[in-house]
């Protein structure tokens, strides 16, 4: 999908340097993946202690 964006060239160049991404498209796609991954990870962390699991690890291992 083609989209016109007004990007900070300094940030884009630095991101390309750090990631080794060969194109602007690839560095932007990688950044989007990382944002999504981080948000999902934070959601899991926020759920800590909110889900009660009644699991006996010894029984599970012997299955």
Protein backbone atom coordinates (compact mmCIF):
# COMPACT_ATOMS: atom_id res chain seq x y z
CA UNK A 1 0.00 0.00 0.00
CA UNK A 2 1.39 3.36 -0.92
CA UNK A 3 1.12 6.12 1.68
CA UNK A 4 2.61 9.57 1.80
CA UNK A 5 4.33 10.30 5.11
CA UNK A 6 6.17 13.28 6.50
CA UNK A 7 9.04 11.58 8.36
CA UNK A 8 11.89 12.97 10.38
CA UNK A 9 14.83 12.17 8.09
CA UNK A 10 17.35 12.25 10.94
CA UNK A 11 15.41 9.62 12.91
CA UNK A 12 14.86 7.54 9.81
CA UNK A 13 18.55 7.62 8.86
CA UNK A 14 19.59 6.70 12.41
CA UNK A 15 17.08 3.82 12.53
CA UNK A 16 18.38 2.54 9.20
CA UNK A 17 21.95 2.71 10.50
CA UNK A 18 21.15 0.87 13.75
CA UNK A 19 19.03 -1.84 12.14
CA UNK A 20 20.99 -2.25 8.94
CA UNK A 21 17.70 -1.99 7.04
CA UNK A 22 18.42 -1.43 3.35
CA UNK A 23 15.29 0.62 2.61
CA UNK A 24 13.04 3.12 4.31
CA UNK A 25 10.13 0.74 3.83
CA UNK A 26 11.90 -2.09 5.59
CA UNK A 27 12.92 0.04 8.57
CA UNK A 28 9.36 1.38 8.95
CA UNK A 29 7.90 -2.13 8.74
CA UNK A 30 10.39 -3.33 11.36
CA UNK A 31 9.50 -0.41 13.62
CA UNK A 32 5.79 -1.23 13.32
CA UNK A 33 6.46 -4.87 14.20
CA UNK A 34 8.48 -3.82 17.24
CA UNK A 35 5.74 -1.45 18.45
CA UNK A 36 3.13 -4.19 18.17
CA UNK A 37 5.40 -6.73 19.89
CA UNK A 38 6.08 -4.32 22.77
CA UNK A 39 2.40 -3.45 23.25
CA UNK A 40 1.46 -7.16 23.33
CA UNK A 41 4.23 -7.83 25.83
CA UNK A 42 3.03 -4.98 28.04
CA UNK A 43 -0.53 -6.30 27.90
CA UNK A 44 0.70 -9.71 29.11
CA UNK A 45 2.67 -8.08 31.92
CA UNK A 46 -0.43 -6.13 32.98
CA UNK A 47 -2.35 -9.42 33.19
CA UNK A 48 0.12 -10.84 35.72
CA UNK A 49 -1.77 -12.09 38.75
CA UNK A 50 -5.19 -11.56 37.17
CA UNK A 51 -5.60 -15.05 35.73
CA UNK A 52 -5.91 -17.90 38.20
CA UNK A 53 -4.49 -21.14 36.94
CA UNK A 54 -5.00 -24.28 38.96
CA UNK A 55 -2.24 -26.36 37.38
CA UNK A 56 -0.17 -29.06 39.05
CA UNK A 57 3.11 -29.06 37.15
CA UNK A 58 3.95 -32.60 38.27
CA UNK A 59 0.65 -33.95 36.92
CA UNK A 60 1.16 -32.04 33.69
CA UNK A 61 4.66 -33.45 33.19
CA UNK A 62 3.43 -37.02 33.65
CA UNK A 63 0.74 -36.76 30.99
